[in-house]
Each structure stands twice: as C-alpha cells, then as structure tokens.
C-alpha cells in the first residue's frame, strides 16, 4: 500500500514536474555529475616551461591549494541545497566518496533540516490523499478529519523514522546516514548500489558495513507508530510490515537520486542537439541563392 503511494508520487513528479524542471536546469544542476567523473584537472605548464627554461614537459607540476581545505561543515552546507525535480530534498546525499565524517551534532542538524523542509510535508499531503481515496485505515474516517489523521500519521512516521535512524542510532553506532552516489559504471551496478544503500552504509571510520541504524530505526519507528495507528493495525506482523515498507520506499528514493543526473544530462544533450540542427537549417536557408524572377513579357511595337 505504501509502495503504491510512492510509485504514484514519483509518477506525478515525472509527468508534471520533472519535464519543466529539466528544461530550466543546466548541465550544472543540483546533484549533477560530470560526463567523465574519473577525469581530473591537470596543471597547465606556464610559458617558461614551453620555452624550455622550466621543468620538462614530461614532469607533472604540483597542484597548489588556493585556500583552506573544506571541512565537514562546508560539505554539509552544500548538501543542504540539493534537490531532485527542484522540490525533492536530498540533503542526505553526497557525490564525494571521500566526504569527511559527520559529528553527532551534524547528524542531528541534518535530520532537523530534512524534517522541517517543505518536501516531507508535501509528500505526506499527497500520500494522505491517496490513502483517503483508497479508504486506507478506514477507522480514520473520511472528510477533513479523516484526512488530518492520515496526514498526521504519515508525517509522524517520517519524523520518527528519520530521528531514530539518521540521528539517534547513526550517532550511537557511528554510521554515516548519507547516501553516497555511485555515478559511474553500468546501469545495473548503479541500480544495485542504490538498492543496497538501505542495508549497507559507510561508517565514521571510513569502513563499510551493515546499515543497522537504518534497518533498526525503521522497525523502531514502526513500533512507535502503534501509538497512533488504528487498533486493527497494532499487530506484530503489521509493525514488521510497516518497517520493511519504509525500507523499500528508501530504495525507490535512492534509485531516483542515483539516476536523476543522467536524466538532466540526457535532456540537456537532446536540447543542445535540437538547437544545433535548427542553427544549421537556418544557416543553409540564409546562404541559398534566391530563385530568379521571371522576365517581363515583351510588348510588340506597332
């Protein structure tokens, strides 16, 4: 049921939001990746080198840092500006595979920033409407009162699960709550990487291991939801099902985040090719010789 809501939300975003947003985004859109992420910028020899008075051309010049190295706080500020579709907050995402670990305070900061962003409220409003249309949790009833109960339950689920998984347990277990984009490799490897992020994560010491904070946090959040869900749903099986569903929903979100830069780049490339074709056609038309006009008829003289 929850997965149906997520698929519906993603479909609506793709149809009504993604296309207009992609038109307005440039190649440097949020969460964009270079066409060749492995390419590195090399230092350019100065004029003295080209004249043979400096180091030989085969030598590599050292790259000098122009300022202080970025801190984890600097990296976090950049993350807090990231969005997909222009609305979907992706603050828990980083392209930097060597990103500095977050302190416990920063993990709570990241959670609070995500939880108070308009995105989870919009998502909760949408999924609550889907639930109401399907009459999910009929004990809540219909009308504005039923919708308000569904909205409150949906947002509280999001808030509690993220608080426990991305802040409390992530701090205690020293796990990084962020999704590390792969960005390179085959589509299959990237899809598997995104799917595995819900159960496999980077730790504060730089190693990788099971994502206990996310899995256990989702189950704990589902257990807390028994306080406000209808009595008929307060069962052990229902609790486990809600916890697993939240984990599955996270997989959908990770897949969208992983491949969104490709969607933007593809759209920009097609747009550039279309403009180039139009420019070539206009150039051909402007250089084509004008058709000769027909000569005027000769009138015989008497």
C-alpha atoms as a PDB file:
ATOM      1  CA  UNK A   1       0.000   0.000   0.000  1.00  0.00           C
ATOM      2  CA  UNK A   2       2.719   2.466   0.968  1.00  0.00           C
ATOM      3  CA  UNK A   3       4.742   1.441  -2.060  1.00  0.00           C
ATOM      4  CA  UNK A   4       1.736   2.213  -4.250  1.00  0.00           C
ATOM      5  CA  UNK A   5       1.649   5.706  -2.784  1.00  0.00           C
ATOM      6  CA  UNK A   6       5.347   6.186  -3.519  1.00  0.00           C
ATOM      7  CA  UNK A   7       5.043   4.977  -7.101  1.00  0.00           C
ATOM      8  CA  UNK A   8       2.105   7.327  -7.586  1.00  0.00           C
ATOM      9  CA  UNK A   9       4.092  10.237  -6.157  1.00  0.00           C
ATOM     10  CA  UNK A  10       7.074   9.534  -8.396  1.00  0.00           C
ATOM     11  CA  UNK A  11       4.804   9.238 -11.443  1.00  0.00           C
ATOM     12  CA  UNK A  12       3.168  12.590 -10.724  1.00  0.00           C
ATOM     13  CA  UNK A  13       6.563  14.229 -10.306  1.00  0.00           C
ATOM     14  CA  UNK A  14       7.877  12.744 -13.547  1.00  0.00           C
ATOM     15  CA  UNK A  15       4.861  13.821 -15.588  1.00  0.00           C
ATOM     16  CA  UNK A  16       4.080  17.246 -14.182  1.00  0.00           C
ATOM     17  CA  UNK A  17       7.306  18.401 -12.542  1.00  0.00           C
ATOM     18  CA  UNK A  18      10.357  16.663 -13.957  1.00  0.00           C
ATOM     19  CA  UNK A  19       9.988  17.857 -17.559  1.00  0.00           C
ATOM     20  CA  UNK A  20       9.556  21.585 -16.754  1.00  0.00           C
ATOM     21  CA  UNK A  21      12.340  21.469 -14.187  1.00  0.00           C
ATOM     22  CA  UNK A  22      14.678  19.633 -16.548  1.00  0.00           C
ATOM     23  CA  UNK A  23      14.107  22.309 -19.188  1.00  0.00           C
ATOM     24  CA  UNK A  24      15.268  25.004 -16.793  1.00  0.00           C
ATOM     25  CA  UNK A  25      18.226  23.157 -15.303  1.00  0.00           C
ATOM     26  CA  UNK A  26      21.651  23.491 -16.845  1.00  0.00           C
ATOM     27  CA  UNK A  27      24.431  20.924 -17.008  1.00  0.00           C
ATOM     28  CA  UNK A  28      25.458  22.089 -13.537  1.00  0.00           C
ATOM     29  CA  UNK A  29      22.104  21.310 -11.935  1.00  0.00           C
ATOM     30  CA  UNK A  30      21.852  20.097  -8.358  1.00  0.00           C
ATOM     31  CA  UNK A  31      23.162  16.567  -7.959  1.00  0.00           C
ATOM     32  CA  UNK A  32      24.652  16.743 -11.478  1.00  0.00           C
ATOM     33  CA  UNK A  33      27.664  14.648 -12.323  1.00  0.00           C
ATOM     34  CA  UNK A  34      30.334  15.238 -14.955  1.00  0.00           C
ATOM     35  CA  UNK A  35      30.198  13.117 -18.114  1.00  0.00           C
ATOM     36  CA  UNK A  36      33.537  11.605 -17.080  1.00  0.00           C
ATOM     37  CA  UNK A  37      33.709  11.692 -13.259  1.00  0.00           C
ATOM     38  CA  UNK A  38      37.101   9.955 -13.322  1.00  0.00           C
ATOM     39  CA  UNK A  39      38.712  12.766 -15.280  1.00  0.00           C
ATOM     40  CA  UNK A  40      40.890  15.026 -13.169  1.00  0.00           C
ATOM     41  CA  UNK A  41      42.037  18.529 -13.830  1.00  0.00           C
ATOM     42  CA  UNK A  42      45.747  18.720 -14.585  1.00  0.00           C
ATOM     43  CA  UNK A  43      48.010  21.698 -14.040  1.00  0.00           C
ATOM     44  CA  UNK A  44      48.899  23.704 -17.139  1.00  0.00           C
ATOM     45  CA  UNK A  45      52.605  24.447 -17.602  1.00  0.00           C
ATOM     46  CA  UNK A  46      53.497  28.122 -17.662  1.00  0.00           C
ATOM     47  CA  UNK A  47      55.128  29.947 -20.523  1.00  0.00           C
ATOM     48  CA  UNK A  48      58.618  29.353 -19.184  1.00  0.00           C
ATOM     49  CA  UNK A  49      58.078  25.624 -19.468  1.00  0.00           C
ATOM     50  CA  UNK A  50      57.027  25.896 -23.099  1.00  0.00           C
ATOM     51  CA  UNK A  51      60.237  27.814 -23.820  1.00  0.00           C
ATOM     52  CA  UNK A  52      62.388  25.103 -22.316  1.00  0.00           C
ATOM     53  CA  UNK A  53      63.592  27.148 -19.332  1.00  0.00           C
ATOM     54  CA  UNK A  54      61.411  25.386 -16.751  1.00  0.00           C
ATOM     55  CA  UNK A  55      60.658  21.756 -15.923  1.00  0.00           C
ATOM     56  CA  UNK A  56      60.438  19.337 -18.819  1.00  0.00           C
ATOM     57  CA  UNK A  57      57.075  18.686 -20.405  1.00  0.00           C
ATOM     58  CA  UNK A  58      57.087  15.134 -19.064  1.00  0.00           C
ATOM     59  CA  UNK A  59      57.159  16.338 -15.470  1.00  0.00           C
ATOM     60  CA  UNK A  60      53.928  16.906 -13.597  1.00  0.00           C
ATOM     61  CA  UNK A  61      53.589  20.200 -11.808  1.00  0.00           C
ATOM     62  CA  UNK A  62      52.249  20.048  -8.232  1.00  0.00           C
ATOM     63  CA  UNK A  63      48.772  21.420  -7.727  1.00  0.00           C
ATOM     64  CA  UNK A  64      48.774  24.162  -5.134  1.00  0.00           C
ATOM     65  CA  UNK A  65      45.757  24.639  -2.919  1.00  0.00           C
ATOM     66  CA  UNK A  66      44.336  28.136  -3.201  1.00  0.00           C
ATOM     67  CA  UNK A  67      42.725  28.090   0.216  1.00  0.00           C
ATOM     68  CA  UNK A  68      41.947  26.055   3.321  1.00  0.00           C
ATOM     69  CA  UNK A  69      40.708  22.513   2.849  1.00  0.00           C
ATOM     70  CA  UNK A  70      36.908  22.096   3.055  1.00  0.00           C
ATOM     71  CA  UNK A  71      35.549  20.979   6.394  1.00  0.00           C
ATOM     72  CA  UNK A  72      32.644  18.650   7.060  1.00  0.00           C
ATOM     73  CA  UNK A  73      30.563  21.739   7.852  1.00  0.00           C
ATOM     74  CA  UNK A  74      31.325  23.180   4.403  1.00  0.00           C
ATOM     75  CA  UNK A  75      30.329  19.909   2.771  1.00  0.00           C
ATOM     76  CA  UNK A  76      27.144  19.772   4.836  1.00  0.00           C
ATOM     77  CA  UNK A  77      26.103  23.280   3.758  1.00  0.00           C
ATOM     78  CA  UNK A  78      26.402  22.272   0.108  1.00  0.00           C
ATOM     79  CA  UNK A  79      24.336  19.132   0.708  1.00  0.00           C
ATOM     80  CA  UNK A  80      21.557  21.185   2.279  1.00  0.00           C
ATOM     81  CA  UNK A  81      20.944  22.904  -1.078  1.00  0.00           C
ATOM     82  CA  UNK A  82      20.472  19.718  -3.112  1.00  0.00           C
ATOM     83  CA  UNK A  83      17.140  18.829  -4.663  1.00  0.00           C
ATOM     84  CA  UNK A  84      15.726  16.480  -7.286  1.00  0.00           C
ATOM     85  CA  UNK A  85      12.876  17.702  -9.528  1.00  0.00           C
ATOM     86  CA  UNK A  86      13.534  21.081  -7.922  1.00  0.00           C
ATOM     87  CA  UNK A  87      11.399  20.069  -4.900  1.00  0.00           C
ATOM     88  CA  UNK A  88      12.551  16.704  -3.542  1.00  0.00           C
ATOM     89  CA  UNK A  89      15.092  17.439  -0.806  1.00  0.00           C
ATOM     90  CA  UNK A  90      18.190  15.221  -0.982  1.00  0.00           C
ATOM     91  CA  UNK A  91      20.179  16.637   1.901  1.00  0.00           C
ATOM     92  CA  UNK A  92      21.283  13.135   2.956  1.00  0.00           C
ATOM     93  CA  UNK A  93      23.141  12.630  -0.326  1.00  0.00           C
ATOM     94  CA  UNK A  94      26.740  13.271  -1.318  1.00  0.00           C
ATOM     95  CA  UNK A  95      28.712  12.794  -4.526  1.00  0.00           C
ATOM     96  CA  UNK A  96      32.010  12.891  -2.630  1.00  0.00           C
ATOM     97  CA  UNK A  97      33.075   9.322  -1.863  1.00  0.00           C
ATOM     98  CA  UNK A  98      35.757  10.730   0.440  1.00  0.00           C
ATOM     99  CA  UNK A  99      33.400  13.045   2.313  1.00  0.00           C
ATOM    100  CA  UNK A 100      34.509  13.799   5.846  1.00  0.00           C
ATOM    101  CA  UNK A 101      32.520  12.025   8.577  1.00  0.00           C
ATOM    102  CA  UNK A 102      29.793  13.946  10.368  1.00  0.00           C
ATOM    103  CA  UNK A 103      29.823  14.626  14.074  1.00  0.00           C
ATOM    104  CA  UNK A 104      26.818  13.626  16.175  1.00  0.00           C
ATOM    105  CA  UNK A 105      25.691  17.260  16.274  1.00  0.00           C
ATOM    106  CA  UNK A 106      25.880  17.448  12.481  1.00  0.00           C
ATOM    107  CA  UNK A 107      23.815  14.277  12.103  1.00  0.00           C
ATOM    108  CA  UNK A 108      21.081  15.826  14.249  1.00  0.00           C
ATOM    109  CA  UNK A 109      21.402  19.056  12.262  1.00  0.00           C
ATOM    110  CA  UNK A 110      20.991  17.162   9.001  1.00  0.00           C
ATOM    111  CA  UNK A 111      17.954  15.326  10.356  1.00  0.00           C
ATOM    112  CA  UNK A 112      16.291  18.538  11.564  1.00  0.00           C
ATOM    113  CA  UNK A 113      16.951  20.292   8.250  1.00  0.00           C
ATOM    114  CA  UNK A 114      15.358  17.389   6.351  1.00  0.00           C
ATOM    115  CA  UNK A 115      12.397  17.034   8.701  1.00  0.00           C
ATOM    116  CA  UNK A 116      11.463  20.720   8.593  1.00  0.00           C
ATOM    117  CA  UNK A 117      11.855  21.136   4.816  1.00  0.00           C
ATOM    118  CA  UNK A 118       8.628  21.588   2.815  1.00  0.00           C
ATOM    119  CA  UNK A 119       9.285  18.325   0.921  1.00  0.00           C
ATOM    120  CA  UNK A 120       8.170  15.810   3.614  1.00  0.00           C
ATOM    121  CA  UNK A 121       5.032  17.877   4.237  1.00  0.00           C
ATOM    122  CA  UNK A 122       4.208  17.861   0.515  1.00  0.00           C
ATOM    123  CA  UNK A 123       4.862  14.131   0.281  1.00  0.00           C
ATOM    124  CA  UNK A 124       2.750  13.433   3.363  1.00  0.00           C
ATOM    125  CA  UNK A 125      -0.069  15.580   1.957  1.00  0.00           C
ATOM    126  CA  UNK A 126      -0.007  13.659  -1.311  1.00  0.00           C
ATOM    127  CA  UNK A 127       0.215  10.161   0.174  1.00  0.00           C
ATOM    128  CA  UNK A 128      -2.530  11.025   2.669  1.00  0.00           C
ATOM    129  CA  UNK A 129      -4.767  11.963  -0.242  1.00  0.00           C
ATOM    130  CA  UNK A 130      -4.026   8.636  -1.925  1.00  0.00           C
ATOM    131  CA  UNK A 131      -4.798   6.780   1.325  1.00  0.00           C
ATOM    132  CA  UNK A 132      -8.064   8.672   1.708  1.00  0.00           C
ATOM    133  CA  UNK A 133      -9.092   7.922  -1.871  1.00  0.00           C
ATOM    134  CA  UNK A 134      -8.377   4.225  -1.278  1.00  0.00           C
ATOM    135  CA  UNK A 135     -10.016   4.406   2.168  1.00  0.00           C
ATOM    136  CA  UNK A 136      -6.891   3.020   3.787  1.00  0.00           C
ATOM    137  CA  UNK A 137      -7.169   2.854   7.588  1.00  0.00           C
ATOM    138  CA  UNK A 138     -10.980   3.144   7.447  1.00  0.00           C
ATOM    139  CA  UNK A 139     -11.056   3.779  11.211  1.00  0.00           C
ATOM    140  CA  UNK A 140      -9.808   7.298  10.474  1.00  0.00           C
ATOM    141  CA  UNK A 141     -12.991   8.032   8.552  1.00  0.00           C
ATOM    142  CA  UNK A 142     -13.433  10.460   5.665  1.00  0.00           C
ATOM    143  CA  UNK A 143     -13.726  14.213   5.323  1.00  0.00           C
ATOM    144  CA  UNK A 144     -11.217  16.738   6.620  1.00  0.00           C
ATOM    145  CA  UNK A 145     -10.965  14.980   9.982  1.00  0.00           C
ATOM    146  CA  UNK A 146     -10.010  11.678   8.355  1.00  0.00           C
ATOM    147  CA  UNK A 147      -7.522  13.414   6.069  1.00  0.00           C
ATOM    148  CA  UNK A 148      -5.945  15.249   9.005  1.00  0.00           C
ATOM    149  CA  UNK A 149      -5.461  11.961  10.875  1.00  0.00           C
ATOM    150  CA  UNK A 150      -3.853  10.331   7.855  1.00  0.00           C
ATOM    151  CA  UNK A 151      -1.610  13.347   7.273  1.00  0.00           C
ATOM    152  CA  UNK A 152      -0.527  13.413  10.908  1.00  0.00           C
ATOM    153  CA  UNK A 153       0.249   9.690  10.886  1.00  0.00           C
ATOM    154  CA  UNK A 154       2.193   9.931   7.616  1.00  0.00           C
ATOM    155  CA  UNK A 155       4.378  12.845   8.701  1.00  0.00           C
ATOM    156  CA  UNK A 156       4.929  11.397  12.182  1.00  0.00           C
ATOM    157  CA  UNK A 157       6.132   8.182  10.535  1.00  0.00           C
ATOM    158  CA  UNK A 158       8.666  10.178   8.527  1.00  0.00           C
ATOM    159  CA  UNK A 159       9.795  12.247  11.500  1.00  0.00           C
ATOM    160  CA  UNK A 160      10.167   9.349  13.922  1.00  0.00           C
ATOM    161  CA  UNK A 161      11.918   7.022  11.485  1.00  0.00           C
ATOM    162  CA  UNK A 162      14.429   9.663  10.463  1.00  0.00           C
ATOM    163  CA  UNK A 163      15.056  10.788  14.029  1.00  0.00           C
ATOM    164  CA  UNK A 164      15.812   7.264  15.192  1.00  0.00           C
ATOM    165  CA  UNK A 165      17.658   6.024  12.116  1.00  0.00           C
ATOM    166  CA  UNK A 166      19.538   9.075  10.834  1.00  0.00           C
ATOM    167  CA  UNK A 167      20.282  10.839  14.108  1.00  0.00           C
ATOM    168  CA  UNK A 168      19.990   8.757  17.298  1.00  0.00           C
ATOM    169  CA  UNK A 169      21.194   5.338  16.126  1.00  0.00           C
ATOM    170  CA  UNK A 170      23.562   6.767  13.491  1.00  0.00           C
ATOM    171  CA  UNK A 171      25.303   8.711  16.269  1.00  0.00           C
ATOM    172  CA  UNK A 172      25.402   5.825  18.739  1.00  0.00           C
ATOM    173  CA  UNK A 173      26.589   3.269  16.169  1.00  0.00           C
ATOM    174  CA  UNK A 174      28.909   5.755  14.403  1.00  0.00           C
ATOM    175  CA  UNK A 175      27.318   5.171  10.994  1.00  0.00           C
ATOM    176  CA  UNK A 176      27.023   7.747   8.233  1.00  0.00           C
ATOM    177  CA  UNK A 177      23.339   8.428   7.431  1.00  0.00           C
ATOM    178  CA  UNK A 178      24.076   9.766   3.951  1.00  0.00           C
ATOM    179  CA  UNK A 179      23.627   8.103   0.573  1.00  0.00           C
ATOM    180  CA  UNK A 180      26.906   8.067  -1.374  1.00  0.00           C
ATOM    181  CA  UNK A 181      26.135   8.372  -5.082  1.00  0.00           C
ATOM    182  CA  UNK A 182      27.998   5.975  -7.327  1.00  0.00           C
ATOM    183  CA  UNK A 183      27.552   7.947 -10.538  1.00  0.00           C
ATOM    184  CA  UNK A 184      29.782   5.712 -12.693  1.00  0.00           C
ATOM    185  CA  UNK A 185      29.680   2.173 -14.044  1.00  0.00           C
ATOM    186  CA  UNK A 186      26.899   0.219 -15.709  1.00  0.00           C
ATOM    187  CA  UNK A 187      23.247   0.973 -15.025  1.00  0.00           C
ATOM    188  CA  UNK A 188      22.885  -2.421 -13.359  1.00  0.00           C
ATOM    189  CA  UNK A 189      25.776  -1.845 -10.961  1.00  0.00           C
ATOM    190  CA  UNK A 190      24.464   1.604 -10.075  1.00  0.00           C
ATOM    191  CA  UNK A 191      20.934   0.282  -9.517  1.00  0.00           C
ATOM    192  CA  UNK A 192      22.254  -2.442  -7.220  1.00  0.00           C
ATOM    193  CA  UNK A 193      24.423   0.097  -5.403  1.00  0.00           C
ATOM    194  CA  UNK A 194      21.409   2.338  -4.775  1.00  0.00           C
ATOM    195  CA  UNK A 195      19.259  -0.566  -3.597  1.00  0.00           C
ATOM    196  CA  UNK A 196      21.930  -1.859  -1.211  1.00  0.00           C
ATOM    197  CA  UNK A 197      22.347   1.530   0.472  1.00  0.00           C
ATOM    198  CA  UNK A 198      19.389   0.822   2.743  1.00  0.00           C
ATOM    199  CA  UNK A 199      21.188  -2.155   4.299  1.00  0.00           C
ATOM    200  CA  UNK A 200      24.849  -1.236   3.712  1.00  0.00           C
ATOM    201  CA  UNK A 201      26.485   2.033   4.730  1.00  0.00           C
ATOM    202  CA  UNK A 202      29.722   3.878   5.338  1.00  0.00           C
ATOM    203  CA  UNK A 203      30.935   4.216   8.905  1.00  0.00           C
ATOM    204  CA  UNK A 204      32.539   7.207  10.553  1.00  0.00           C
ATOM    205  CA  UNK A 205      35.935   5.472  10.475  1.00  0.00           C
ATOM    206  CA  UNK A 206      35.787   5.119   6.669  1.00  0.00           C
ATOM    207  CA  UNK A 207      34.913   1.409   6.507  1.00  0.00           C
ATOM    208  CA  UNK A 208      31.684  -0.072   5.180  1.00  0.00           C
ATOM    209  CA  UNK A 209      29.276  -2.449   6.886  1.00  0.00           C
ATOM    210  CA  UNK A 210      25.641  -3.317   7.628  1.00  0.00           C
ATOM    211  CA  UNK A 211      23.327  -0.337   7.965  1.00  0.00           C
ATOM    212  CA  UNK A 212      21.992  -1.221  11.406  1.00  0.00           C
ATOM    213  CA  UNK A 213      20.852   2.339  12.100  1.00  0.00           C
ATOM    214  CA  UNK A 214      18.546   2.455   9.086  1.00  0.00           C
ATOM    215  CA  UNK A 215      17.044  -1.030   9.365  1.00  0.00           C
ATOM    216  CA  UNK A 216      16.594  -0.996  13.149  1.00  0.00           C
ATOM    217  CA  UNK A 217      15.465   2.643  13.073  1.00  0.00           C
ATOM    218  CA  UNK A 218      12.706   1.809  10.597  1.00  0.00           C
ATOM    219  CA  UNK A 219      11.486  -1.073  12.758  1.00  0.00           C
ATOM    220  CA  UNK A 220      11.593   1.080  15.891  1.00  0.00           C
ATOM    221  CA  UNK A 221       9.698   3.832  14.087  1.00  0.00           C
ATOM    222  CA  UNK A 222       7.060   1.303  13.043  1.00  0.00           C
ATOM    223  CA  UNK A 223       6.746   0.175  16.666  1.00  0.00           C
ATOM    224  CA  UNK A 224       6.248   3.768  17.823  1.00  0.00           C
ATOM    225  CA  UNK A 225       3.532   4.215  15.199  1.00  0.00           C
ATOM    226  CA  UNK A 226       1.381   1.736  17.134  1.00  0.00           C
ATOM    227  CA  UNK A 227       0.663   4.640  19.472  1.00  0.00           C
ATOM    228  CA  UNK A 228      -1.412   6.452  16.837  1.00  0.00           C
ATOM    229  CA  UNK A 229      -2.327   3.866  14.182  1.00  0.00           C
ATOM    230  CA  UNK A 230      -5.786   2.226  14.317  1.00  0.00           C
ATOM    231  CA  UNK A 231      -6.049  -0.657  16.754  1.00  0.00           C
ATOM    232  CA  UNK A 232      -6.553  -3.180  13.956  1.00  0.00           C
ATOM    233  CA  UNK A 233      -3.047  -2.357  12.653  1.00  0.00           C
ATOM    234  CA  UNK A 234      -1.290  -2.663  16.012  1.00  0.00           C
ATOM    235  CA  UNK A 235      -0.048  -6.197  15.454  1.00  0.00           C
ATOM    236  CA  UNK A 236       3.422  -7.698  15.312  1.00  0.00           C
ATOM    237  CA  UNK A 237       3.035  -8.558  11.646  1.00  0.00           C
ATOM    238  CA  UNK A 238       1.681  -5.102  10.878  1.00  0.00           C
ATOM    239  CA  UNK A 239       4.586  -3.465  12.688  1.00  0.00           C
ATOM    240  CA  UNK A 240       7.177  -5.517  10.790  1.00  0.00           C
ATOM    241  CA  UNK A 241       5.385  -4.874   7.503  1.00  0.00           C
ATOM    242  CA  UNK A 242       5.460  -1.108   8.052  1.00  0.00           C
ATOM    243  CA  UNK A 243       9.167  -1.218   8.938  1.00  0.00           C
ATOM    244  CA  UNK A 244      10.029  -3.239   5.837  1.00  0.00           C
ATOM    245  CA  UNK A 245       7.845  -0.988   3.679  1.00  0.00           C
ATOM    246  CA  UNK A 246       9.694   2.125   4.817  1.00  0.00           C
ATOM    247  CA  UNK A 247      12.978   0.413   3.936  1.00  0.00           C
ATOM    248  CA  UNK A 248      11.617  -0.449   0.480  1.00  0.00           C
ATOM    249  CA  UNK A 249      10.453   3.143  -0.002  1.00  0.00           C
ATOM    250  CA  UNK A 250      14.007   4.293   0.707  1.00  0.00           C
ATOM    251  CA  UNK A 251      15.225   2.082  -2.154  1.00  0.00           C
ATOM    252  CA  UNK A 252      12.905   3.907  -4.567  1.00  0.00           C
ATOM    253  CA  UNK A 253      14.208   7.252  -3.365  1.00  0.00           C
ATOM    254  CA  UNK A 254      17.842   6.127  -3.763  1.00  0.00           C
ATOM    255  CA  UNK A 255      17.219   4.939  -7.310  1.00  0.00           C
ATOM    256  CA  UNK A 256      15.678   8.283  -8.271  1.00  0.00           C
ATOM    257  CA  UNK A 257      18.584  10.194  -6.714  1.00  0.00           C
ATOM    258  CA  UNK A 258      21.195   7.982  -8.387  1.00  0.00           C
ATOM    259  CA  UNK A 259      19.839   8.372 -11.932  1.00  0.00           C
ATOM    260  CA  UNK A 260      18.402  11.896 -11.797  1.00  0.00           C
ATOM    261  CA  UNK A 261      21.682  13.500 -13.043  1.00  0.00           C
ATOM    262  CA  UNK A 262      21.548  11.205 -16.083  1.00  0.00           C
ATOM    263  CA  UNK A 263      18.013  12.362 -16.837  1.00  0.00           C
ATOM    264  CA  UNK A 264      19.071  16.020 -16.668  1.00  0.00           C
ATOM    265  CA  UNK A 265      22.183  15.441 -18.802  1.00  0.00           C
ATOM    266  CA  UNK A 266      20.184  13.477 -21.395  1.00  0.00           C
ATOM    267  CA  UNK A 267      17.591  16.238 -21.633  1.00  0.00           C
ATOM    268  CA  UNK A 268      20.273  18.944 -21.946  1.00  0.00           C
ATOM    269  CA  UNK A 269      22.118  16.950 -24.618  1.00  0.00           C
ATOM    270  CA  UNK A 270      18.952  16.443 -26.681  1.00  0.00           C
ATOM    271  CA  UNK A 271      18.102  20.116 -26.324  1.00  0.00           C
ATOM    272  CA  UNK A 272      21.605  21.132 -27.494  1.00  0.00           C
ATOM    273  CA  UNK A 273      21.383  18.781 -30.489  1.00  0.00           C
ATOM    274  CA  UNK A 274      17.993  20.217 -31.446  1.00  0.00           C
ATOM    275  CA  UNK A 275      19.315  23.776 -31.256  1.00  0.00           C
ATOM    276  CA  UNK A 276      22.349  22.781 -33.344  1.00  0.00           C
ATOM    277  CA  UNK A 277      20.119  21.255 -36.039  1.00  0.00           C
ATOM    278  CA  UNK A 278      17.920  24.336 -36.096  1.00  0.00           C
ATOM    279  CA  UNK A 279      21.001  26.555 -36.368  1.00  0.00           C
ATOM    280  CA  UNK A 280      22.315  24.510 -39.296  1.00  0.00           C
ATOM    281  CA  UNK A 281      18.992  24.690 -41.118  1.00  0.00           C
ATOM    282  CA  UNK A 282      18.803  28.455 -40.642  1.00  0.00           C
ATOM    283  CA  UNK A 283      22.363  28.824 -41.964  1.00  0.00           C
ATOM    284  CA  UNK A 284      21.552  26.784 -45.089  1.00  0.00           C
ATOM    285  CA  UNK A 285      18.429  28.839 -45.740  1.00  0.00           C
ATOM    286  CA  UNK A 286      20.287  32.140 -45.347  1.00  0.00           C
ATOM    287  CA  UNK A 287      23.018  31.112 -47.839  1.00  0.00           C
ATOM    288  CA  UNK A 288      20.694  29.629 -50.503  1.00  0.00           C
ATOM    289  CA  UNK A 289      20.559  31.803 -53.710  1.00  0.00           C
ATOM    290  CA  UNK A 290      17.242  33.437 -54.377  1.00  0.00           C
ATOM    291  CA  UNK A 291      15.207  31.978 -57.236  1.00  0.00           C
ATOM    292  CA  UNK A 292      15.483  34.141 -60.430  1.00  0.00           C
ATOM    293  CA  UNK A 293      12.399  36.148 -61.204  1.00  0.00           C
ATOM    294  CA  UNK A 294      10.560  35.561 -64.480  1.00  0.00           C
ATOM    295  CA  UNK A 295      11.373  38.149 -67.224  1.00  0.00           C
ATOM    296  CA  UNK A 296       8.712  40.696 -68.012  1.00  0.00           C
ATOM    297  CA  UNK A 297       6.750  39.993 -71.242  1.00  0.00           C
ATOM    298  CA  UNK A 298       7.873  41.986 -74.275  1.00  0.00           C
ATOM    299  CA  UNK A 299       5.128  44.114 -75.796  1.00  0.00           C
ATOM    300  CA  UNK A 300       5.387  44.296 -79.668  1.00  0.00           C
ATOM    301  CA  UNK A 301       5.724  47.795 -81.120  1.00  0.00           C
ATOM    302  CA  UNK A 302       3.216  48.840 -83.842  1.00  0.00           C
END
